[in-house]
Amino acid sequence: MVVVEIVDFISPTIVERLHEQAGVLKPKIDDWRVMVDCVMIDSDYDGQVFRVALSDVPERKTDLVAGRYELPADRVGKTVALKIVDMLGEELLIPLRQH
């Protein structure tokens, strides 16, 4: 089994917008997951095409992504890639090499 766990995430665009709207008060984000719209994982990323093997798309606006995912080891290639889409639709692709 391969475990992919996101321990933190910051969307610079969301943080910038919050600062612009904050005025005197500084915005505080208690849980990184409130900035995330969805998480997708490609369990055998070839560096060219992202193929979704697992997706975490909360059903309701009030639900949050899990942030921890388990993949069967027999279905995992040399590189696992993680794609995070923030609430503004910006995507971050992170290739992860296995150890």
PDB file of N, CA and C in Angstrom:
ATOM      1  N   MET A   1       0.834  -1.170   0.000  1.00  0.00           N
ATOM      2  CA  MET A   1       0.000   0.000   0.000  1.00  0.00           C
ATOM      3  C   MET A   1       0.887   1.245   0.000  1.00  0.00           C
ATOM      4  N   VAL A   2       0.474   2.243  -0.764  1.00  0.00           N
ATOM      5  CA  VAL A   2       1.182   3.522  -0.829  1.00  0.00           C
ATOM      6  C   VAL A   2       0.266   4.587  -0.241  1.00  0.00           C
ATOM      7  N   VAL A   3       0.799   5.385   0.668  1.00  0.00           N
ATOM      8  CA  VAL A   3       0.020   6.440   1.306  1.00  0.00           C
ATOM      9  C   VAL A   3       0.511   7.798   0.807  1.00  0.00           C
ATOM     10  N   VAL A   4      -0.435   8.613   0.360  1.00  0.00           N
ATOM     11  CA  VAL A   4      -0.145   9.988  -0.029  1.00  0.00           C
ATOM     12  C   VAL A   4      -0.891  10.873   0.969  1.00  0.00           C
ATOM     13  N   GLU A   5      -0.138  11.722   1.656  1.00  0.00           N
ATOM     14  CA  GLU A   5      -0.758  12.591   2.655  1.00  0.00           C
ATOM     15  C   GLU A   5      -0.325  14.033   2.427  1.00  0.00           C
ATOM     16  N   ILE A   6      -1.301  14.917   2.358  1.00  0.00           N
ATOM     17  CA  ILE A   6      -1.042  16.345   2.227  1.00  0.00           C
ATOM     18  C   ILE A   6      -1.096  16.914   3.641  1.00  0.00           C
ATOM     19  N   VAL A   7       0.002  17.500   4.093  1.00  0.00           N
ATOM     20  CA  VAL A   7       0.019  18.037   5.449  1.00  0.00           C
ATOM     21  C   VAL A   7      -0.235  19.540   5.476  1.00  0.00           C
ATOM     22  N   ASP A   8      -0.029  20.203   4.343  1.00  0.00           N
ATOM     23  CA  ASP A   8      -0.275  21.634   4.276  1.00  0.00           C
ATOM     24  C   ASP A   8      -0.399  22.050   2.815  1.00  0.00           C
ATOM     25  N   PHE A   9      -1.128  23.123   2.586  1.00  0.00           N
ATOM     26  CA  PHE A   9      -1.283  23.680   1.240  1.00  0.00           C
ATOM     27  C   PHE A   9      -1.629  25.145   1.389  1.00  0.00           C
ATOM     28  N   ILE A  10      -0.980  25.970   0.574  1.00  0.00           N
ATOM     29  CA  ILE A  10      -1.288  27.395   0.560  1.00  0.00           C
ATOM     30  C   ILE A  10      -1.494  27.816  -0.882  1.00  0.00           C
ATOM     31  N   SER A  11      -2.616  28.449  -1.140  1.00  0.00           N
ATOM     32  CA  SER A  11      -2.877  29.020  -2.451  1.00  0.00           C
ATOM     33  C   SER A  11      -2.493  30.497  -2.394  1.00  0.00           C
ATOM     34  N   PRO A  12      -1.402  30.886  -3.052  1.00  0.00           N
ATOM     35  CA  PRO A  12      -0.983  32.289  -3.008  1.00  0.00           C
ATOM     36  C   PRO A  12      -2.063  33.253  -3.503  1.00  0.00           C
ATOM     37  N   THR A  13      -2.811  32.856  -4.500  1.00  0.00           N
ATOM     38  CA  THR A  13      -3.860  33.714  -5.048  1.00  0.00           C
ATOM     39  C   THR A  13      -4.975  33.935  -4.034  1.00  0.00           C
ATOM     40  N   ILE A  14      -5.397  32.883  -3.354  1.00  0.00           N
ATOM     41  CA  ILE A  14      -6.448  33.019  -2.343  1.00  0.00           C
ATOM     42  C   ILE A  14      -5.959  33.883  -1.183  1.00  0.00           C
ATOM     43  N   VAL A  15      -4.736  33.639  -0.728  1.00  0.00           N
ATOM     44  CA  VAL A  15      -4.184  34.420   0.378  1.00  0.00           C
ATOM     45  C   VAL A  15      -4.087  35.897  -0.014  1.00  0.00           C
ATOM     46  N   GLU A  16      -3.645  36.172  -1.233  1.00  0.00           N
ATOM     47  CA  GLU A  16      -3.542  37.553  -1.714  1.00  0.00           C
ATOM     48  C   GLU A  16      -4.912  38.233  -1.736  1.00  0.00           C
ATOM     49  N   ARG A  17      -5.918  37.525  -2.228  1.00  0.00           N
ATOM     50  CA  ARG A  17      -7.276  38.094  -2.264  1.00  0.00           C
ATOM     51  C   ARG A  17      -7.812  38.355  -0.861  1.00  0.00           C
ATOM     52  N   LEU A  18      -7.537  37.446   0.065  1.00  0.00           N
ATOM     53  CA  LEU A  18      -7.975  37.652   1.442  1.00  0.00           C
ATOM     54  C   LEU A  18      -7.307  38.881   2.055  1.00  0.00           C
ATOM     55  N   HIS A  19      -6.015  39.071   1.772  1.00  0.00           N
ATOM     56  CA  HIS A  19      -5.300  40.238   2.280  1.00  0.00           C
ATOM     57  C   HIS A  19      -5.877  41.530   1.707  1.00  0.00           C
ATOM     58  N   GLU A  20      -6.242  41.514   0.425  1.00  0.00           N
ATOM     59  CA  GLU A  20      -6.822  42.696  -0.220  1.00  0.00           C
ATOM     60  C   GLU A  20      -8.166  43.069   0.406  1.00  0.00           C
ATOM     61  N   GLN A  21      -8.947  42.075   0.781  1.00  0.00           N
ATOM     62  CA  GLN A  21     -10.283  42.307   1.321  1.00  0.00           C
ATOM     63  C   GLN A  21     -10.275  42.514   2.839  1.00  0.00           C
ATOM     64  N   ALA A  22      -9.173  42.194   3.488  1.00  0.00           N
ATOM     65  CA  ALA A  22      -9.137  42.181   4.946  1.00  0.00           C
ATOM     66  C   ALA A  22      -9.165  43.567   5.579  1.00  0.00           C
ATOM     67  N   GLY A  23      -8.536  44.548   4.947  1.00  0.00           N
ATOM     68  CA  GLY A  23      -8.472  45.865   5.564  1.00  0.00           C
ATOM     69  C   GLY A  23      -7.570  45.844   6.781  1.00  0.00           C
ATOM     70  N   VAL A  24      -8.125  46.165   7.935  1.00  0.00           N
ATOM     71  CA  VAL A  24      -7.351  46.237   9.173  1.00  0.00           C
ATOM     72  C   VAL A  24      -7.049  44.856   9.741  1.00  0.00           C
ATOM     73  N   LEU A  25      -7.993  43.940   9.624  1.00  0.00           N
ATOM     74  CA  LEU A  25      -7.816  42.595  10.179  1.00  0.00           C
ATOM     75  C   LEU A  25      -7.021  41.708   9.239  1.00  0.00           C
ATOM     76  N   LYS A  26      -6.166  40.886   9.805  1.00  0.00           N
ATOM     77  CA  LYS A  26      -5.383  39.932   9.017  1.00  0.00           C
ATOM     78  C   LYS A  26      -6.169  38.630   8.901  1.00  0.00           C
ATOM     79  N   PRO A  27      -6.354  38.122   7.670  1.00  0.00           N
ATOM     80  CA  PRO A  27      -7.121  36.872   7.523  1.00  0.00           C
ATOM     81  C   PRO A  27      -6.375  35.687   8.128  1.00  0.00           C
ATOM     82  N   LYS A  28      -7.147  34.758   8.688  1.00  0.00           N
ATOM     83  CA  LYS A  28      -6.562  33.563   9.280  1.00  0.00           C
ATOM     84  C   LYS A  28      -7.243  32.337   8.682  1.00  0.00           C
ATOM     85  N   ILE A  29      -6.440  31.406   8.208  1.00  0.00           N
ATOM     86  CA  ILE A  29      -6.958  30.166   7.652  1.00  0.00           C
ATOM     87  C   ILE A  29      -6.526  29.052   8.593  1.00  0.00           C
ATOM     88  N   ASP A  30      -7.496  28.472   9.296  1.00  0.00           N
ATOM     89  CA  ASP A  30      -7.196  27.450  10.297  1.00  0.00           C
ATOM     90  C   ASP A  30      -6.937  26.070   9.696  1.00  0.00           C
ATOM     91  N   ASP A  31      -7.527  25.789   8.550  1.00  0.00           N
ATOM     92  CA  ASP A  31      -7.413  24.462   7.939  1.00  0.00           C
ATOM     93  C   ASP A  31      -7.137  24.642   6.447  1.00  0.00           C
ATOM     94  N   TRP A  32      -6.005  24.152   5.980  1.00  0.00           N
ATOM     95  CA  TRP A  32      -5.614  24.316   4.579  1.00  0.00           C
ATOM     96  C   TRP A  32      -6.666  23.772   3.618  1.00  0.00           C
ATOM     97  N   ARG A  33      -7.460  22.816   4.077  1.00  0.00           N
ATOM     98  CA  ARG A  33      -8.430  22.157   3.189  1.00  0.00           C
ATOM     99  C   ARG A  33      -9.550  23.081   2.729  1.00  0.00           C
ATOM    100  N   VAL A  34      -9.789  24.199   3.431  1.00  0.00           N
ATOM    101  CA  VAL A  34     -10.841  25.127   3.001  1.00  0.00           C
ATOM    102  C   VAL A  34     -10.482  25.815   1.685  1.00  0.00           C
ATOM    103  N   MET A  35      -9.199  25.816   1.313  1.00  0.00           N
ATOM    104  CA  MET A  35      -8.764  26.433   0.054  1.00  0.00           C
ATOM    105  C   MET A  35      -8.816  25.468  -1.126  1.00  0.00           C
ATOM    106  N   VAL A  36      -9.065  24.181  -0.854  1.00  0.00           N
ATOM    107  CA  VAL A  36      -8.966  23.148  -1.881  1.00  0.00           C
ATOM    108  C   VAL A  36     -10.340  22.724  -2.389  1.00  0.00           C
ATOM    109  N   ASP A  37     -10.500  22.772  -3.705  1.00  0.00           N
ATOM    110  CA  ASP A  37     -11.738  22.325  -4.344  1.00  0.00           C
ATOM    111  C   ASP A  37     -11.721  20.813  -4.526  1.00  0.00           C
ATOM    112  N   CYS A  38     -10.589  20.282  -5.017  1.00  0.00           N
ATOM    113  CA  CYS A  38     -10.487  18.833  -5.192  1.00  0.00           C
ATOM    114  C   CYS A  38      -9.031  18.399  -5.269  1.00  0.00           C
ATOM    115  N   VAL A  39      -8.830  17.103  -5.040  1.00  0.00           N
ATOM    116  CA  VAL A  39      -7.517  16.473  -5.130  1.00  0.00           C
ATOM    117  C   VAL A  39      -7.656  15.277  -6.059  1.00  0.00           C
ATOM    118  N   MET A  40      -6.700  15.141  -6.975  1.00  0.00           N
ATOM    119  CA  MET A  40      -6.678  13.994  -7.880  1.00  0.00           C
ATOM    120  C   MET A  40      -5.291  13.361  -7.839  1.00  0.00           C
ATOM    121  N   ILE A  41      -5.245  12.056  -8.006  1.00  0.00           N
ATOM    122  CA  ILE A  41      -3.973  11.340  -7.978  1.00  0.00           C
ATOM    123  C   ILE A  41      -3.862  10.451  -9.205  1.00  0.00           C
ATOM    124  N   ASP A  42      -2.701  10.538  -9.861  1.00  0.00           N
ATOM    125  CA  ASP A  42      -2.340   9.638 -10.953  1.00  0.00           C
ATOM    126  C   ASP A  42      -1.334   8.669 -10.344  1.00  0.00           C
ATOM    127  N   SER A  43      -1.679   7.404 -10.266  1.00  0.00           N
ATOM    128  CA  SER A  43      -0.821   6.425  -9.591  1.00  0.00           C
ATOM    129  C   SER A  43       0.330   5.912 -10.458  1.00  0.00           C
ATOM    130  N   ASP A  44       0.373   6.300 -11.722  1.00  0.00           N
ATOM    131  CA  ASP A  44       1.466   5.894 -12.619  1.00  0.00           C
ATOM    132  C   ASP A  44       1.727   7.019 -13.615  1.00  0.00           C
ATOM    133  N   TYR A  45       2.142   8.164 -13.121  1.00  0.00           N
ATOM    134  CA  TYR A  45       2.336   9.364 -13.937  1.00  0.00           C
ATOM    135  C   TYR A  45       3.527   9.195 -14.868  1.00  0.00           C
ATOM    136  N   ASP A  46       3.309   9.454 -16.158  1.00  0.00           N
ATOM    137  CA  ASP A  46       4.369   9.298 -17.149  1.00  0.00           C
ATOM    138  C   ASP A  46       5.096  10.609 -17.461  1.00  0.00           C
ATOM    139  N   GLY A  47       4.730  11.684 -16.772  1.00  0.00           N
ATOM    140  CA  GLY A  47       5.371  12.966 -17.003  1.00  0.00           C
ATOM    141  C   GLY A  47       4.734  13.785 -18.109  1.00  0.00           C
ATOM    142  N   GLN A  48       3.792  13.205 -18.826  1.00  0.00           N
ATOM    143  CA  GLN A  48       3.142  13.889 -19.940  1.00  0.00           C
ATOM    144  C   GLN A  48       1.638  14.030 -19.738  1.00  0.00           C
ATOM    145  N   VAL A  49       0.984  12.896 -19.543  1.00  0.00           N
ATOM    146  CA  VAL A  49      -0.475  12.875 -19.438  1.00  0.00           C
ATOM    147  C   VAL A  49      -0.883  12.493 -18.012  1.00  0.00           C
ATOM    148  N   PHE A  50      -1.747  13.306 -17.406  1.00  0.00           N
ATOM    149  CA  PHE A  50      -2.247  13.016 -16.064  1.00  0.00           C
ATOM    150  C   PHE A  50      -3.503  12.179 -16.197  1.00  0.00           C
ATOM    151  N   ARG A  51      -3.456  10.958 -15.664  1.00  0.00           N
ATOM    152  CA  ARG A  51      -4.596  10.043 -15.699  1.00  0.00           C
ATOM    153  C   ARG A  51      -5.105   9.852 -14.269  1.00  0.00           C
ATOM    154  N   VAL A  52      -6.321  10.266 -14.026  1.00  0.00           N
ATOM    155  CA  VAL A  52      -6.878  10.219 -12.673  1.00  0.00           C
ATOM    156  C   VAL A  52      -7.175   8.777 -12.256  1.00  0.00           C
ATOM    157  N   ALA A  53      -6.481   8.324 -11.204  1.00  0.00           N
ATOM    158  CA  ALA A  53      -6.722   6.996 -10.651  1.00  0.00           C
ATOM    159  C   ALA A  53      -7.572   7.104  -9.390  1.00  0.00           C
ATOM    160  N   LEU A  54      -7.482   8.253  -8.711  1.00  0.00           N
ATOM    161  CA  LEU A  54      -8.237   8.484  -7.490  1.00  0.00           C
ATOM    162  C   LEU A  54      -8.577   9.977  -7.443  1.00  0.00           C
ATOM    163  N   SER A  55      -9.813  10.277  -7.091  1.00  0.00           N
ATOM    164  CA  SER A  55     -10.197  11.685  -6.957  1.00  0.00           C
ATOM    165  C   SER A  55     -10.972  11.893  -5.664  1.00  0.00           C
ATOM    166  N   ASP A  56     -10.753  13.051  -5.081  1.00  0.00           N
ATOM    167  CA  ASP A  56     -11.449  13.449  -3.858  1.00  0.00           C
ATOM    168  C   ASP A  56     -12.139  14.777  -4.159  1.00  0.00           C
ATOM    169  N   VAL A  57     -13.416  14.692  -4.485  1.00  0.00           N
ATOM    170  CA  VAL A  57     -14.222  15.860  -4.807  1.00  0.00           C
ATOM    171  C   VAL A  57     -15.392  15.870  -3.822  1.00  0.00           C
ATOM    172  N   PRO A  58     -15.339  16.737  -2.817  1.00  0.00           N
ATOM    173  CA  PRO A  58     -16.416  16.769  -1.828  1.00  0.00           C
ATOM    174  C   PRO A  58     -17.779  17.020  -2.469  1.00  0.00           C
ATOM    175  N   GLU A  59     -18.800  16.336  -1.947  1.00  0.00           N
ATOM    176  CA  GLU A  59     -20.154  16.449  -2.497  1.00  0.00           C
ATOM    177  C   GLU A  59     -20.781  17.803  -2.225  1.00  0.00           C
ATOM    178  N   ARG A  60     -20.598  18.304  -1.014  1.00  0.00           N
ATOM    179  CA  ARG A  60     -21.221  19.582  -0.637  1.00  0.00           C
ATOM    180  C   ARG A  60     -20.137  20.637  -0.424  1.00  0.00           C
ATOM    181  N   LYS A  61     -20.519  21.892  -0.546  1.00  0.00           N
ATOM    182  CA  LYS A  61     -19.582  23.004  -0.345  1.00  0.00           C
ATOM    183  C   LYS A  61     -18.997  23.013   1.062  1.00  0.00           C
ATOM    184  N   THR A  62     -19.744  22.496   2.022  1.00  0.00           N
ATOM    185  CA  THR A  62     -19.276  22.493   3.408  1.00  0.00           C
ATOM    186  C   THR A  62     -18.327  21.338   3.714  1.00  0.00           C
ATOM    187  N   ASP A  63     -18.247  20.347   2.832  1.00  0.00           N
ATOM    188  CA  ASP A  63     -17.341  19.212   3.028  1.00  0.00           C
ATOM    189  C   ASP A  63     -15.924  19.593   2.600  1.00  0.00           C
ATOM    190  N   LEU A  64     -14.939  18.936   3.191  1.00  0.00           N
ATOM    191  CA  LEU A  64     -13.546  19.185   2.855  1.00  0.00           C
ATOM    192  C   LEU A  64     -12.906  17.911   2.314  1.00  0.00           C
ATOM    193  N   VAL A  65     -11.829  18.084   1.549  1.00  0.00           N
ATOM    194  CA  VAL A  65     -11.083  16.924   1.063  1.00  0.00           C
ATOM    195  C   VAL A  65     -10.455  16.210   2.254  1.00  0.00           C
ATOM    196  N   ALA A  66     -10.156  14.935   2.079  1.00  0.00           N
ATOM    197  CA  ALA A  66      -9.599  14.137   3.176  1.00  0.00           C
ATOM    198  C   ALA A  66      -8.144  14.510   3.469  1.00  0.00           C
ATOM    199  N   GLY A  67      -7.343  14.624   2.434  1.00  0.00           N
ATOM    200  CA  GLY A  67      -5.940  14.969   2.615  1.00  0.00           C
ATOM    201  C   GLY A  67      -5.023  13.771   2.798  1.00  0.00           C
ATOM    202  N   ARG A  68      -5.588  12.590   3.026  1.00  0.00           N
ATOM    203  CA  ARG A  68      -4.796  11.357   3.176  1.00  0.00           C
ATOM    204  C   ARG A  68      -5.427  10.282   2.305  1.00  0.00           C
ATOM    205  N   TYR A  69      -4.582   9.663   1.483  1.00  0.00           N
ATOM    206  CA  TYR A  69      -5.098   8.711   0.501  1.00  0.00           C
ATOM    207  C   TYR A  69      -4.225   7.461   0.482  1.00  0.00           C
ATOM    208  N   GLU A  70      -4.880   6.305   0.366  1.00  0.00           N
ATOM    209  CA  GLU A  70      -4.178   5.025   0.288  1.00  0.00           C
ATOM    210  C   GLU A  70      -4.423   4.414  -1.076  1.00  0.00           C
ATOM    211  N   LEU A  71      -3.338   3.981  -1.705  1.00  0.00           N
ATOM    212  CA  LEU A  71      -3.409   3.362  -3.021  1.00  0.00           C
ATOM    213  C   LEU A  71      -2.841   1.956  -2.939  1.00  0.00           C
ATOM    214  N   PRO A  72      -3.475   0.992  -3.608  1.00  0.00           N
ATOM    215  CA  PRO A  72      -2.926  -0.367  -3.623  1.00  0.00           C
ATOM    216  C   PRO A  72      -1.546  -0.369  -4.279  1.00  0.00           C
ATOM    217  N   ALA A  73      -0.565  -0.956  -3.646  1.00  0.00           N
ATOM    218  CA  ALA A  73       0.815  -0.946  -4.146  1.00  0.00           C
ATOM    219  C   ALA A  73       0.943  -1.590  -5.521  1.00  0.00           C
ATOM    220  N   ASP A  74       0.114  -2.589  -5.808  1.00  0.00           N
ATOM    221  CA  ASP A  74       0.216  -3.269  -7.100  1.00  0.00           C
ATOM    222  C   ASP A  74      -0.296  -2.414  -8.265  1.00  0.00           C
ATOM    223  N   ARG A  75      -0.927  -1.302  -7.974  1.00  0.00           N
ATOM    224  CA  ARG A  75      -1.428  -0.417  -9.025  1.00  0.00           C
ATOM    225  C   ARG A  75      -0.629   0.884  -9.124  1.00  0.00           C
ATOM    226  N   VAL A  76       0.513   0.929  -8.451  1.00  0.00           N
ATOM    227  CA  VAL A  76       1.303   2.150  -8.415  1.00  0.00           C
ATOM    228  C   VAL A  76       2.571   1.982  -9.239  1.00  0.00           C
ATOM    229  N   GLY A  77       2.834   2.957 -10.109  1.00  0.00           N
ATOM    230  CA  GLY A  77       4.034   2.934 -10.938  1.00  0.00           C
ATOM    231  C   GLY A  77       5.207   3.609 -10.248  1.00  0.00           C
ATOM    232  N   LYS A  78       6.209   4.008 -11.033  1.00  0.00           N
ATOM    233  CA  LYS A  78       7.408   4.626 -10.480  1.00  0.00           C
ATOM    234  C   LYS A  78       7.151   6.026  -9.943  1.00  0.00           C
ATOM    235  N   THR A  79       6.250   6.750 -10.584  1.00  0.00           N
ATOM    236  CA  THR A  79       5.953   8.113 -10.154  1.00  0.00           C
ATOM    237  C   THR A  79       4.463   8.273  -9.908  1.00  0.00           C
ATOM    238  N   VAL A  80       4.120   8.747  -8.737  1.00  0.00           N
ATOM    239  CA  VAL A  80       2.752   9.099  -8.396  1.00  0.00           C
ATOM    240  C   VAL A  80       2.672  10.618  -8.512  1.00  0.00           C
ATOM    241  N   ALA A  81       1.606  11.135  -9.107  1.00  0.00           N
ATOM    242  CA  ALA A  81       1.448  12.583  -9.220  1.00  0.00           C
ATOM    243  C   ALA A  81       0.175  13.006  -8.505  1.00  0.00           C
ATOM    244  N   LEU A  82       0.265  14.137  -7.862  1.00  0.00           N
ATOM    245  CA  LEU A  82      -0.826  14.704  -7.099  1.00  0.00           C
ATOM    246  C   LEU A  82      -1.220  16.017  -7.763  1.00  0.00           C
ATOM    247  N   LYS A  83      -2.507  16.190  -8.020  1.00  0.00           N
ATOM    248  CA  LYS A  83      -2.990  17.447  -8.578  1.00  0.00           C
ATOM    249  C   LYS A  83      -3.983  18.039  -7.582  1.00  0.00           C
ATOM    250  N   ILE A  84      -3.698  19.274  -7.161  1.00  0.00           N
ATOM    251  CA  ILE A  84      -4.567  19.992  -6.242  1.00  0.00           C
ATOM    252  C   ILE A  84      -5.178  21.161  -7.002  1.00  0.00           C
ATOM    253  N   VAL A  85      -6.510  21.277  -6.941  1.00  0.00           N
ATOM    254  CA  VAL A  85      -7.213  22.389  -7.565  1.00  0.00           C
ATOM    255  C   VAL A  85      -7.785  23.238  -6.443  1.00  0.00           C
ATOM    256  N   ASP A  86      -7.400  24.532  -6.427  1.00  0.00           N
ATOM    257  CA  ASP A  86      -7.897  25.390  -5.352  1.00  0.00           C
ATOM    258  C   ASP A  86      -9.287  25.925  -5.693  1.00  0.00           C
ATOM    259  N   MET A  87      -9.872  26.662  -4.774  1.00  0.00           N
ATOM    260  CA  MET A  87     -11.242  27.162  -4.929  1.00  0.00           C
ATOM    261  C   MET A  87     -11.396  28.181  -6.051  1.00  0.00           C
ATOM    262  N   LEU A  88     -10.274  28.683  -6.578  1.00  0.00           N
ATOM    263  CA  LEU A  88     -10.326  29.615  -7.699  1.00  0.00           C
ATOM    264  C   LEU A  88     -10.066  28.912  -9.027  1.00  0.00           C
ATOM    265  N   GLY A  89      -9.876  27.592  -8.966  1.00  0.00           N
ATOM    266  CA  GLY A  89      -9.667  26.815 -10.182  1.00  0.00           C
ATOM    267  C   GLY A  89      -8.218  26.683 -10.602  1.00  0.00           C
ATOM    268  N   GLU A  90      -7.294  27.217  -9.822  1.00  0.00           N
ATOM    269  CA  GLU A  90      -5.878  27.091 -10.151  1.00  0.00           C
ATOM    270  C   GLU A  90      -5.385  25.703  -9.769  1.00  0.00           C
ATOM    271  N   GLU A  91      -4.566  25.119 -10.643  1.00  0.00           N
ATOM    272  CA  GLU A  91      -4.079  23.758 -10.437  1.00  0.00           C
ATOM    273  C   GLU A  91      -2.609  23.738 -10.078  1.00  0.00           C
ATOM    274  N   LEU A  92      -2.265  22.818  -9.200  1.00  0.00           N
ATOM    275  CA  LEU A  92      -0.878  22.569  -8.839  1.00  0.00           C
ATOM    276  C   LEU A  92      -0.624  21.079  -9.038  1.00  0.00           C
ATOM    277  N   LEU A  93       0.379  20.746  -9.858  1.00  0.00           N
ATOM    278  CA  LEU A  93       0.730  19.354 -10.133  1.00  0.00           C
ATOM    279  C   LEU A  93       2.051  19.052  -9.449  1.00  0.00           C
ATOM    280  N   ILE A  94       2.052  18.000  -8.621  1.00  0.00           N
ATOM    281  CA  ILE A  94       3.241  17.624  -7.863  1.00  0.00           C
ATOM    282  C   ILE A  94       3.580  16.163  -8.157  1.00  0.00           C
ATOM    283  N   PRO A  95       4.650  15.911  -8.927  1.00  0.00           N
ATOM    284  CA  PRO A  95       5.091  14.526  -9.122  1.00  0.00           C
ATOM    285  C   PRO A  95       5.844  14.050  -7.874  1.00  0.00           C
ATOM    286  N   LEU A  96       5.552  12.833  -7.431  1.00  0.00           N
ATOM    287  CA  LEU A  96       6.186  12.262  -6.236  1.00  0.00           C
ATOM    288  C   LEU A  96       6.891  10.975  -6.616  1.00  0.00           C
ATOM    289  N   ARG A  97       8.158  10.890  -6.382  1.00  0.00           N
ATOM    290  CA  ARG A  97       8.888   9.655  -6.641  1.00  0.00           C
ATOM    291  C   ARG A  97       8.705   8.718  -5.461  1.00  0.00           C
ATOM    292  N   GLN A  98       8.621   7.435  -5.755  1.00  0.00           N
ATOM    293  CA  GLN A  98       8.512   6.446  -4.675  1.00  0.00           C
ATOM    294  C   GLN A  98       9.886   6.123  -4.141  1.00  0.00           C
ATOM    295  N   HIS A  99       9.930   5.774  -2.852  1.00  0.00           N
ATOM    296  CA  HIS A  99      11.194   5.400  -2.216  1.00  0.00           C
ATOM    297  C   HIS A  99      11.279   3.910  -2.053  1.00  0.00           C
TER     298      HIS A  99
END
